[in-house]
Amino acid sequence: MWKQFYAAIKQLLLLTHQTDENREQIKELRHQVREFASAIERLAYEVRRIDEKVDYYARNEAQERENLNLRVENALLKSGRQLPPEEPNKDATD
């Protein structure tokens, strides 16, 4: 009988100790989960920020290409007006 009582008390103390260890592990795991969640939030923010930059640069690049095309077209139009007048063909007047 005392043996069973001793075994039960020993089991109770062991389970109490394991429960305390489990509580500490749960506390540590919750802390890690909060840290991971925070890190994920920071990463998501950075991804959004980079995505916005990519969009901005893509729009800017498209605008720059359009401006370059307009400048080239403008230069071509101006150069057409700046051609020297045609000289009469000497063979045709002879």
PDB file of N, CA and C in Angstrom:
ATOM      1  N   MET A   1       0.813  -1.175   0.000  1.00  0.00           N
ATOM      2  CA  MET A   1       0.000   0.000   0.000  1.00  0.00           C
ATOM      3  C   MET A   1       0.871   1.258   0.000  1.00  0.00           C
ATOM      4  N   TRP A   2       1.902   1.285   0.868  1.00  0.00           N
ATOM      5  CA  TRP A   2       2.787   2.442   0.896  1.00  0.00           C
ATOM      6  C   TRP A   2       3.548   2.571  -0.424  1.00  0.00           C
ATOM      7  N   LYS A   3       3.814   1.429  -1.025  1.00  0.00           N
ATOM      8  CA  LYS A   3       4.513   1.446  -2.293  1.00  0.00           C
ATOM      9  C   LYS A   3       3.649   2.123  -3.364  1.00  0.00           C
ATOM     10  N   GLN A   4       2.380   1.793  -3.392  1.00  0.00           N
ATOM     11  CA  GLN A   4       1.462   2.396  -4.355  1.00  0.00           C
ATOM     12  C   GLN A   4       1.297   3.893  -4.079  1.00  0.00           C
ATOM     13  N   PHE A   5       1.204   4.232  -2.801  1.00  0.00           N
ATOM     14  CA  PHE A   5       1.078   5.636  -2.422  1.00  0.00           C
ATOM     15  C   PHE A   5       2.328   6.408  -2.850  1.00  0.00           C
ATOM     16  N   TYR A   6       3.500   5.833  -2.611  1.00  0.00           N
ATOM     17  CA  TYR A   6       4.762   6.455  -3.001  1.00  0.00           C
ATOM     18  C   TYR A   6       4.833   6.615  -4.530  1.00  0.00           C
ATOM     19  N   ALA A   7       4.424   5.585  -5.246  1.00  0.00           N
ATOM     20  CA  ALA A   7       4.435   5.641  -6.721  1.00  0.00           C
ATOM     21  C   ALA A   7       3.479   6.724  -7.221  1.00  0.00           C
ATOM     22  N   ALA A   8       2.320   6.850  -6.589  1.00  0.00           N
ATOM     23  CA  ALA A   8       1.351   7.863  -7.003  1.00  0.00           C
ATOM     24  C   ALA A   8       1.899   9.270  -6.737  1.00  0.00           C
ATOM     25  N   ILE A   9       2.511   9.464  -5.570  1.00  0.00           N
ATOM     26  CA  ILE A   9       3.093  10.764  -5.231  1.00  0.00           C
ATOM     27  C   ILE A   9       4.239  11.078  -6.195  1.00  0.00           C
ATOM     28  N   LYS A  10       5.070  10.079  -6.461  1.00  0.00           N
ATOM     29  CA  LYS A  10       6.182  10.252  -7.388  1.00  0.00           C
ATOM     30  C   LYS A  10       5.658  10.627  -8.783  1.00  0.00           C
ATOM     31  N   GLN A  11       4.600   9.933  -9.224  1.00  0.00           N
ATOM     32  CA  GLN A  11       3.988  10.216 -10.514  1.00  0.00           C
ATOM     33  C   GLN A  11       3.412  11.638 -10.533  1.00  0.00           C
ATOM     34  N   LEU A  12       2.765  12.029  -9.446  1.00  0.00           N
ATOM     35  CA  LEU A  12       2.177  13.368  -9.340  1.00  0.00           C
ATOM     36  C   LEU A  12       3.265  14.437  -9.426  1.00  0.00           C
ATOM     37  N   LEU A  13       4.368  14.235  -8.715  1.00  0.00           N
ATOM     38  CA  LEU A  13       5.470  15.198  -8.754  1.00  0.00           C
ATOM     39  C   LEU A  13       6.107  15.259 -10.151  1.00  0.00           C
ATOM     40  N   LEU A  14       6.257  14.105 -10.782  1.00  0.00           N
ATOM     41  CA  LEU A  14       6.818  14.055 -12.132  1.00  0.00           C
ATOM     42  C   LEU A  14       5.911  14.805 -13.108  1.00  0.00           C
ATOM     43  N   LEU A  15       4.597  14.549 -13.013  1.00  0.00           N
ATOM     44  CA  LEU A  15       3.660  15.228 -13.911  1.00  0.00           C
ATOM     45  C   LEU A  15       3.623  16.735 -13.655  1.00  0.00           C
ATOM     46  N   THR A  16       3.740  17.132 -12.398  1.00  0.00           N
ATOM     47  CA  THR A  16       3.777  18.556 -12.063  1.00  0.00           C
ATOM     48  C   THR A  16       5.019  19.206 -12.674  1.00  0.00           C
ATOM     49  N   HIS A  17       6.142  18.530 -12.554  1.00  0.00           N
ATOM     50  CA  HIS A  17       7.391  19.037 -13.125  1.00  0.00           C
ATOM     51  C   HIS A  17       7.275  19.141 -14.655  1.00  0.00           C
ATOM     52  N   GLN A  18       6.744  18.111 -15.291  1.00  0.00           N
ATOM     53  CA  GLN A  18       6.588  18.124 -16.741  1.00  0.00           C
ATOM     54  C   GLN A  18       5.609  19.226 -17.184  1.00  0.00           C
ATOM     55  N   THR A  19       4.573  19.428 -16.386  1.00  0.00           N
ATOM     56  CA  THR A  19       3.606  20.488 -16.704  1.00  0.00           C
ATOM     57  C   THR A  19       4.271  21.851 -16.637  1.00  0.00           C
ATOM     58  N   ASP A  20       5.102  22.062 -15.627  1.00  0.00           N
ATOM     59  CA  ASP A  20       5.831  23.327 -15.516  1.00  0.00           C
ATOM     60  C   ASP A  20       6.771  23.523 -16.713  1.00  0.00           C
ATOM     61  N   GLU A  21       7.469  22.466 -17.101  1.00  0.00           N
ATOM     62  CA  GLU A  21       8.357  22.544 -18.269  1.00  0.00           C
ATOM     63  C   GLU A  21       7.554  22.850 -19.526  1.00  0.00           C
ATOM     64  N   ASN A  22       6.415  22.190 -19.670  1.00  0.00           N
ATOM     65  CA  ASN A  22       5.566  22.430 -20.842  1.00  0.00           C
ATOM     66  C   ASN A  22       5.069  23.871 -20.879  1.00  0.00           C
ATOM     67  N   ARG A  23       4.711  24.413 -19.725  1.00  0.00           N
ATOM     68  CA  ARG A  23       4.261  25.806 -19.670  1.00  0.00           C
ATOM     69  C   ARG A  23       5.369  26.747 -20.125  1.00  0.00           C
ATOM     70  N   GLU A  24       6.588  26.478 -19.671  1.00  0.00           N
ATOM     71  CA  GLU A  24       7.717  27.310 -20.085  1.00  0.00           C
ATOM     72  C   GLU A  24       7.962  27.186 -21.585  1.00  0.00           C
ATOM     73  N   GLN A  25       7.881  25.972 -22.091  1.00  0.00           N
ATOM     74  CA  GLN A  25       8.071  25.774 -23.528  1.00  0.00           C
ATOM     75  C   GLN A  25       6.973  26.484 -24.324  1.00  0.00           C
ATOM     76  N   ILE A  26       5.754  26.406 -23.843  1.00  0.00           N
ATOM     77  CA  ILE A  26       4.644  27.090 -24.510  1.00  0.00           C
ATOM     78  C   ILE A  26       4.874  28.593 -24.497  1.00  0.00           C
ATOM     79  N   LYS A  27       5.348  29.116 -23.387  1.00  0.00           N
ATOM     80  CA  LYS A  27       5.630  30.551 -23.284  1.00  0.00           C
ATOM     81  C   LYS A  27       6.703  30.941 -24.303  1.00  0.00           C
ATOM     82  N   GLU A  28       7.772  30.132 -24.403  1.00  0.00           N
ATOM     83  CA  GLU A  28       8.837  30.409 -25.362  1.00  0.00           C
ATOM     84  C   GLU A  28       8.324  30.316 -26.794  1.00  0.00           C
ATOM     85  N   LEU A  29       7.502  29.309 -27.064  1.00  0.00           N
ATOM     86  CA  LEU A  29       6.951  29.146 -28.409  1.00  0.00           C
ATOM     87  C   LEU A  29       6.041  30.310 -28.782  1.00  0.00           C
ATOM     88  N   ARG A  30       5.255  30.783 -27.836  1.00  0.00           N
ATOM     89  CA  ARG A  30       4.401  31.945 -28.112  1.00  0.00           C
ATOM     90  C   ARG A  30       5.239  33.176 -28.424  1.00  0.00           C
ATOM     91  N   HIS A  31       6.324  33.323 -27.691  1.00  0.00           N
ATOM     92  CA  HIS A  31       7.235  34.443 -27.947  1.00  0.00           C
ATOM     93  C   HIS A  31       7.832  34.324 -29.359  1.00  0.00           C
ATOM     94  N   GLN A  32       8.238  33.122 -29.727  1.00  0.00           N
ATOM     95  CA  GLN A  32       8.789  32.906 -31.062  1.00  0.00           C
ATOM     96  C   GLN A  32       7.746  33.179 -32.138  1.00  0.00           C
ATOM     97  N   VAL A  33       6.515  32.765 -31.894  1.00  0.00           N
ATOM     98  CA  VAL A  33       5.446  33.006 -32.865  1.00  0.00           C
ATOM     99  C   VAL A  33       5.232  34.507 -33.044  1.00  0.00           C
ATOM    100  N   ARG A  34       5.259  35.259 -31.942  1.00  0.00           N
ATOM    101  CA  ARG A  34       5.118  36.715 -32.046  1.00  0.00           C
ATOM    102  C   ARG A  34       6.277  37.318 -32.840  1.00  0.00           C
ATOM    103  N   GLU A  35       7.490  36.827 -32.593  1.00  0.00           N
ATOM    104  CA  GLU A  35       8.645  37.328 -33.342  1.00  0.00           C
ATOM    105  C   GLU A  35       8.520  37.003 -34.827  1.00  0.00           C
ATOM    106  N   PHE A  36       8.090  35.768 -35.141  1.00  0.00           N
ATOM    107  CA  PHE A  36       7.904  35.389 -36.536  1.00  0.00           C
ATOM    108  C   PHE A  36       6.813  36.226 -37.192  1.00  0.00           C
ATOM    109  N   ALA A  37       5.732  36.452 -36.487  1.00  0.00           N
ATOM    110  CA  ALA A  37       4.640  37.265 -37.028  1.00  0.00           C
ATOM    111  C   ALA A  37       5.128  38.683 -37.306  1.00  0.00           C
ATOM    112  N   SER A  38       5.922  39.212 -36.399  1.00  0.00           N
ATOM    113  CA  SER A  38       6.476  40.550 -36.592  1.00  0.00           C
ATOM    114  C   SER A  38       7.409  40.575 -37.796  1.00  0.00           C
ATOM    115  N   ALA A  39       8.238  39.552 -37.918  1.00  0.00           N
ATOM    116  CA  ALA A  39       9.156  39.479 -39.056  1.00  0.00           C
ATOM    117  C   ALA A  39       8.381  39.358 -40.367  1.00  0.00           C
ATOM    118  N   ILE A  40       7.328  38.580 -40.365  1.00  0.00           N
ATOM    119  CA  ILE A  40       6.505  38.421 -41.569  1.00  0.00           C
ATOM    120  C   ILE A  40       5.842  39.742 -41.933  1.00  0.00           C
ATOM    121  N   GLU A  41       5.374  40.481 -40.941  1.00  0.00           N
ATOM    122  CA  GLU A  41       4.781  41.791 -41.205  1.00  0.00           C
ATOM    123  C   GLU A  41       5.801  42.739 -41.814  1.00  0.00           C
ATOM    124  N   ARG A  42       7.029  42.715 -41.278  1.00  0.00           N
ATOM    125  CA  ARG A  42       8.078  43.576 -41.836  1.00  0.00           C
ATOM    126  C   ARG A  42       8.403  43.169 -43.270  1.00  0.00           C
ATOM    127  N   LEU A  43       8.481  41.862 -43.518  1.00  0.00           N
ATOM    128  CA  LEU A  43       8.753  41.392 -44.874  1.00  0.00           C
ATOM    129  C   LEU A  43       7.634  41.788 -45.830  1.00  0.00           C
ATOM    130  N   ALA A  44       6.397  41.651 -45.386  1.00  0.00           N
ATOM    131  CA  ALA A  44       5.258  42.029 -46.233  1.00  0.00           C
ATOM    132  C   ALA A  44       5.320  43.522 -46.553  1.00  0.00           C
ATOM    133  N   TYR A  45       5.669  44.325 -45.554  1.00  0.00           N
ATOM    134  CA  TYR A  45       5.802  45.770 -45.778  1.00  0.00           C
ATOM    135  C   TYR A  45       6.885  46.046 -46.816  1.00  0.00           C
ATOM    136  N   GLU A  46       8.024  45.390 -46.677  1.00  0.00           N
ATOM    137  CA  GLU A  46       9.123  45.598 -47.625  1.00  0.00           C
ATOM    138  C   GLU A  46       8.740  45.139 -49.022  1.00  0.00           C
ATOM    139  N   VAL A  47       8.032  44.022 -49.121  1.00  0.00           N
ATOM    140  CA  VAL A  47       7.592  43.533 -50.437  1.00  0.00           C
ATOM    141  C   VAL A  47       6.662  44.548 -51.082  1.00  0.00           C
ATOM    142  N   ARG A  48       5.712  45.099 -50.293  1.00  0.00           N
ATOM    143  CA  ARG A  48       4.809  46.116 -50.838  1.00  0.00           C
ATOM    144  C   ARG A  48       5.587  47.357 -51.280  1.00  0.00           C
ATOM    145  N   ARG A  49       6.562  47.750 -50.470  1.00  0.00           N
ATOM    146  CA  ARG A  49       7.360  48.926 -50.796  1.00  0.00           C
ATOM    147  C   ARG A  49       8.156  48.707 -52.082  1.00  0.00           C
ATOM    148  N   ILE A  50       8.758  47.538 -52.217  1.00  0.00           N
ATOM    149  CA  ILE A  50       9.522  47.222 -53.428  1.00  0.00           C
ATOM    150  C   ILE A  50       8.593  47.156 -54.630  1.00  0.00           C
ATOM    151  N   ASP A  51       7.408  46.573 -54.445  1.00  0.00           N
ATOM    152  CA  ASP A  51       6.431  46.492 -55.530  1.00  0.00           C
ATOM    153  C   ASP A  51       6.022  47.889 -55.990  1.00  0.00           C
ATOM    154  N   GLU A  52       5.825  48.788 -55.045  1.00  0.00           N
ATOM    155  CA  GLU A  52       5.481  50.169 -55.394  1.00  0.00           C
ATOM    156  C   GLU A  52       6.621  50.837 -56.151  1.00  0.00           C
ATOM    157  N   LYS A  53       7.856  50.572 -55.727  1.00  0.00           N
ATOM    158  CA  LYS A  53       9.010  51.148 -56.431  1.00  0.00           C
ATOM    159  C   LYS A  53       9.100  50.610 -57.854  1.00  0.00           C
ATOM    160  N   VAL A  54       8.879  49.314 -58.012  1.00  0.00           N
ATOM    161  CA  VAL A  54       8.931  48.715 -59.345  1.00  0.00           C
ATOM    162  C   VAL A  54       7.861  49.345 -60.234  1.00  0.00           C
ATOM    163  N   ASP A  55       6.654  49.505 -59.698  1.00  0.00           N
ATOM    164  CA  ASP A  55       5.581  50.143 -60.467  1.00  0.00           C
ATOM    165  C   ASP A  55       5.963  51.572 -60.845  1.00  0.00           C
ATOM    166  N   TYR A  56       6.506  52.304 -59.885  1.00  0.00           N
ATOM    167  CA  TYR A  56       6.906  53.684 -60.138  1.00  0.00           C
ATOM    168  C   TYR A  56       7.963  53.755 -61.235  1.00  0.00           C
ATOM    169  N   TYR A  57       8.994  52.909 -61.126  1.00  0.00           N
ATOM    170  CA  TYR A  57      10.057  52.937 -62.120  1.00  0.00           C
ATOM    171  C   TYR A  57       9.563  52.469 -63.481  1.00  0.00           C
ATOM    172  N   ALA A  58       8.642  51.516 -63.498  1.00  0.00           N
ATOM    173  CA  ALA A  58       8.077  51.056 -64.774  1.00  0.00           C
ATOM    174  C   ALA A  58       7.299  52.190 -65.434  1.00  0.00           C
ATOM    175  N   ARG A  59       6.469  52.904 -64.647  1.00  0.00           N
ATOM    176  CA  ARG A  59       5.729  54.036 -65.205  1.00  0.00           C
ATOM    177  C   ARG A  59       6.692  55.123 -65.657  1.00  0.00           C
ATOM    178  N   ASN A  60       7.702  55.394 -64.850  1.00  0.00           N
ATOM    179  CA  ASN A  60       8.688  56.411 -65.185  1.00  0.00           C
ATOM    180  C   ASN A  60       9.447  56.028 -66.454  1.00  0.00           C
ATOM    181  N   GLU A  61       9.816  54.774 -66.562  1.00  0.00           N
ATOM    182  CA  GLU A  61      10.543  54.301 -67.739  1.00  0.00           C
ATOM    183  C   GLU A  61       9.677  54.420 -68.987  1.00  0.00           C
ATOM    184  N   ALA A  62       8.415  54.073 -68.884  1.00  0.00           N
ATOM    185  CA  ALA A  62       7.505  54.195 -70.024  1.00  0.00           C
ATOM    186  C   ALA A  62       7.368  55.658 -70.434  1.00  0.00           C
ATOM    187  N   GLN A  63       7.262  56.538 -69.456  1.00  0.00           N
ATOM    188  CA  GLN A  63       7.166  57.969 -69.749  1.00  0.00           C
ATOM    189  C   GLN A  63       8.439  58.476 -70.413  1.00  0.00           C
ATOM    190  N   GLU A  64       9.592  58.008 -69.933  1.00  0.00           N
ATOM    191  CA  GLU A  64      10.862  58.412 -70.533  1.00  0.00           C
ATOM    192  C   GLU A  64      10.959  57.924 -71.979  1.00  0.00           C
ATOM    193  N   ARG A  65      10.533  56.701 -72.252  1.00  0.00           N
ATOM    194  CA  ARG A  65      10.547  56.190 -73.629  1.00  0.00           C
ATOM    195  C   ARG A  65       9.636  57.024 -74.522  1.00  0.00           C
ATOM    196  N   GLU A  66       8.468  57.360 -74.012  1.00  0.00           N
ATOM    197  CA  GLU A  66       7.532  58.188 -74.777  1.00  0.00           C
ATOM    198  C   GLU A  66       8.145  59.560 -75.053  1.00  0.00           C
ATOM    199  N   ASN A  67       8.771  60.158 -74.046  1.00  0.00           N
ATOM    200  CA  ASN A  67       9.434  61.453 -74.237  1.00  0.00           C
ATOM    201  C   ASN A  67      10.549  61.358 -75.271  1.00  0.00           C
ATOM    202  N   LEU A  68      11.326  60.298 -75.213  1.00  0.00           N
ATOM    203  CA  LEU A  68      12.406  60.118 -76.184  1.00  0.00           C
ATOM    204  C   LEU A  68      11.834  59.979 -77.596  1.00  0.00           C
ATOM    205  N   ASN A  69      10.776  59.203 -77.740  1.00  0.00           N
ATOM    206  CA  ASN A  69      10.142  59.053 -79.053  1.00  0.00           C
ATOM    207  C   ASN A  69       9.641  60.396 -79.572  1.00  0.00           C
ATOM    208  N   LEU A  70       9.048  61.188 -78.697  1.00  0.00           N
ATOM    209  CA  LEU A  70       8.559  62.500 -79.111  1.00  0.00           C
ATOM    210  C   LEU A  70       9.708  63.429 -79.499  1.00  0.00           C
ATOM    211  N   ARG A  71      10.819  63.369 -78.761  1.00  0.00           N
ATOM    212  CA  ARG A  71      11.973  64.191 -79.107  1.00  0.00           C
ATOM    213  C   ARG A  71      12.545  63.802 -80.468  1.00  0.00           C
ATOM    214  N   VAL A  72      12.628  62.485 -80.693  1.00  0.00           N
ATOM    215  CA  VAL A  72      13.154  62.014 -81.987  1.00  0.00           C
ATOM    216  C   VAL A  72      12.214  62.457 -83.106  1.00  0.00           C
ATOM    217  N   GLU A  73      10.928  62.286 -82.904  1.00  0.00           N
ATOM    218  CA  GLU A  73       9.955  62.698 -83.914  1.00  0.00           C
ATOM    219  C   GLU A  73      10.042  64.209 -84.154  1.00  0.00           C
ATOM    220  N   ASN A  74      10.151  64.964 -83.087  1.00  0.00           N
ATOM    221  CA  ASN A  74      10.274  66.417 -83.197  1.00  0.00           C
ATOM    222  C   ASN A  74      11.542  66.789 -83.968  1.00  0.00           C
ATOM    223  N   ALA A  75      12.646  66.139 -83.658  1.00  0.00           N
ATOM    224  CA  ALA A  75      13.907  66.427 -84.353  1.00  0.00           C
ATOM    225  C   ALA A  75      13.797  66.089 -85.834  1.00  0.00           C
ATOM    226  N   LEU A  76      13.134  64.967 -86.138  1.00  0.00           N
ATOM    227  CA  LEU A  76      12.958  64.592 -87.539  1.00  0.00           C
ATOM    228  C   LEU A  76      12.095  65.611 -88.275  1.00  0.00           C
ATOM    229  N   LEU A  77      11.043  66.060 -87.637  1.00  0.00           N
ATOM    230  CA  LEU A  77      10.182  67.057 -88.270  1.00  0.00           C
ATOM    231  C   LEU A  77      10.929  68.373 -88.485  1.00  0.00           C
ATOM    232  N   LYS A  78      11.718  68.789 -87.503  1.00  0.00           N
ATOM    233  CA  LYS A  78      12.487  70.026 -87.641  1.00  0.00           C
ATOM    234  C   LYS A  78      13.538  69.892 -88.727  1.00  0.00           C
ATOM    235  N   SER A  79      14.183  68.742 -88.799  1.00  0.00           N
ATOM    236  CA  SER A  79      15.229  68.559 -89.804  1.00  0.00           C
ATOM    237  C   SER A  79      14.648  68.568 -91.203  1.00  0.00           C
ATOM    238  N   GLY A  80      13.415  68.116 -91.369  1.00  0.00           N
ATOM    239  CA  GLY A  80      12.764  68.156 -92.680  1.00  0.00           C
ATOM    240  C   GLY A  80      12.532  69.582 -93.132  1.00  0.00           C
ATOM    241  N   ARG A  81      12.272  70.475 -92.212  1.00  0.00           N
ATOM    242  CA  ARG A  81      12.063  71.877 -92.543  1.00  0.00           C
ATOM    243  C   ARG A  81      13.380  72.600 -92.770  1.00  0.00           C
ATOM    244  N   GLN A  82      14.446  72.055 -92.305  1.00  0.00           N
ATOM    245  CA  GLN A  82      15.727  72.745 -92.382  1.00  0.00           C
ATOM    246  C   GLN A  82      16.569  72.300 -93.586  1.00  0.00           C
ATOM    247  N   LEU A  83      15.990  71.523 -94.438  1.00  0.00           N
ATOM    248  CA  LEU A  83      16.753  71.103 -95.609  1.00  0.00           C
ATOM    249  C   LEU A  83      16.996  72.315 -96.496  1.00  0.00           C
ATOM    250  N   PRO A  84      18.158  72.379 -97.097  1.00  0.00           N
ATOM    251  CA  PRO A  84      18.418  73.505 -97.996  1.00  0.00           C
ATOM    252  C   PRO A  84      17.486  73.423 -99.203  1.00  0.00           C
ATOM    253  N   PRO A  85      17.170  74.551 -99.754  1.00  0.00           N
ATOM    254  CA  PRO A  85      16.285  74.512-100.921  1.00  0.00           C
ATOM    255  C   PRO A  85      16.948  73.741-102.050  1.00  0.00           C
ATOM    256  N   GLU A  86      16.124  73.150-102.853  1.00  0.00           N
ATOM    257  CA  GLU A  86      16.647  72.345-103.952  1.00  0.00           C
ATOM    258  C   GLU A  86      17.262  73.263-104.998  1.00  0.00           C
ATOM    259  N   GLU A  87      18.421  72.904-105.436  1.00  0.00           N
ATOM    260  CA  GLU A  87      19.045  73.681-106.507  1.00  0.00           C
ATOM    261  C   GLU A  87      18.486  73.186-107.829  1.00  0.00           C
ATOM    262  N   PRO A  88      18.278  74.087-108.720  1.00  0.00           N
ATOM    263  CA  PRO A  88      17.751  73.634-110.024  1.00  0.00           C
ATOM    264  C   PRO A  88      18.764  72.706-110.671  1.00  0.00           C
ATOM    265  N   ASN A  89      18.299  71.745-111.323  1.00  0.00           N
ATOM    266  CA  ASN A  89      19.134  70.753-111.989  1.00  0.00           C
ATOM    267  C   ASN A  89      19.736  71.403-113.235  1.00  0.00           C
ATOM    268  N   LYS A  90      21.069  71.445-113.346  1.00  0.00           N
ATOM    269  CA  LYS A  90      21.737  72.092-114.465  1.00  0.00           C
ATOM    270  C   LYS A  90      21.456  71.364-115.770  1.00  0.00           C
ATOM    271  N   ASP A  91      21.282  70.066-115.683  1.00  0.00           N
ATOM    272  CA  ASP A  91      21.016  69.291-116.914  1.00  0.00           C
ATOM    273  C   ASP A  91      19.651  69.649-117.483  1.00  0.00           C
ATOM    274  N   ALA A  92      18.714  69.947-116.632  1.00  0.00           N
ATOM    275  CA  ALA A  92      17.356  70.239-117.079  1.00  0.00           C
ATOM    276  C   ALA A  92      17.272  71.602-117.754  1.00  0.00           C
ATOM    277  N   THR A  93      18.115  72.565-117.389  1.00  0.00           N
ATOM    278  CA  THR A  93      18.075  73.889-117.979  1.00  0.00           C
ATOM    279  C   THR A  93      18.855  73.968-119.277  1.00  0.00           C
ATOM    280  N   ASP A  94      19.667  73.027-119.505  1.00  0.00           N
ATOM    281  CA  ASP A  94      20.470  73.075-120.739  1.00  0.00           C
ATOM    282  C   ASP A  94      19.723  72.712-121.931  1.00  0.00           C
TER     283      ASP A  94
END
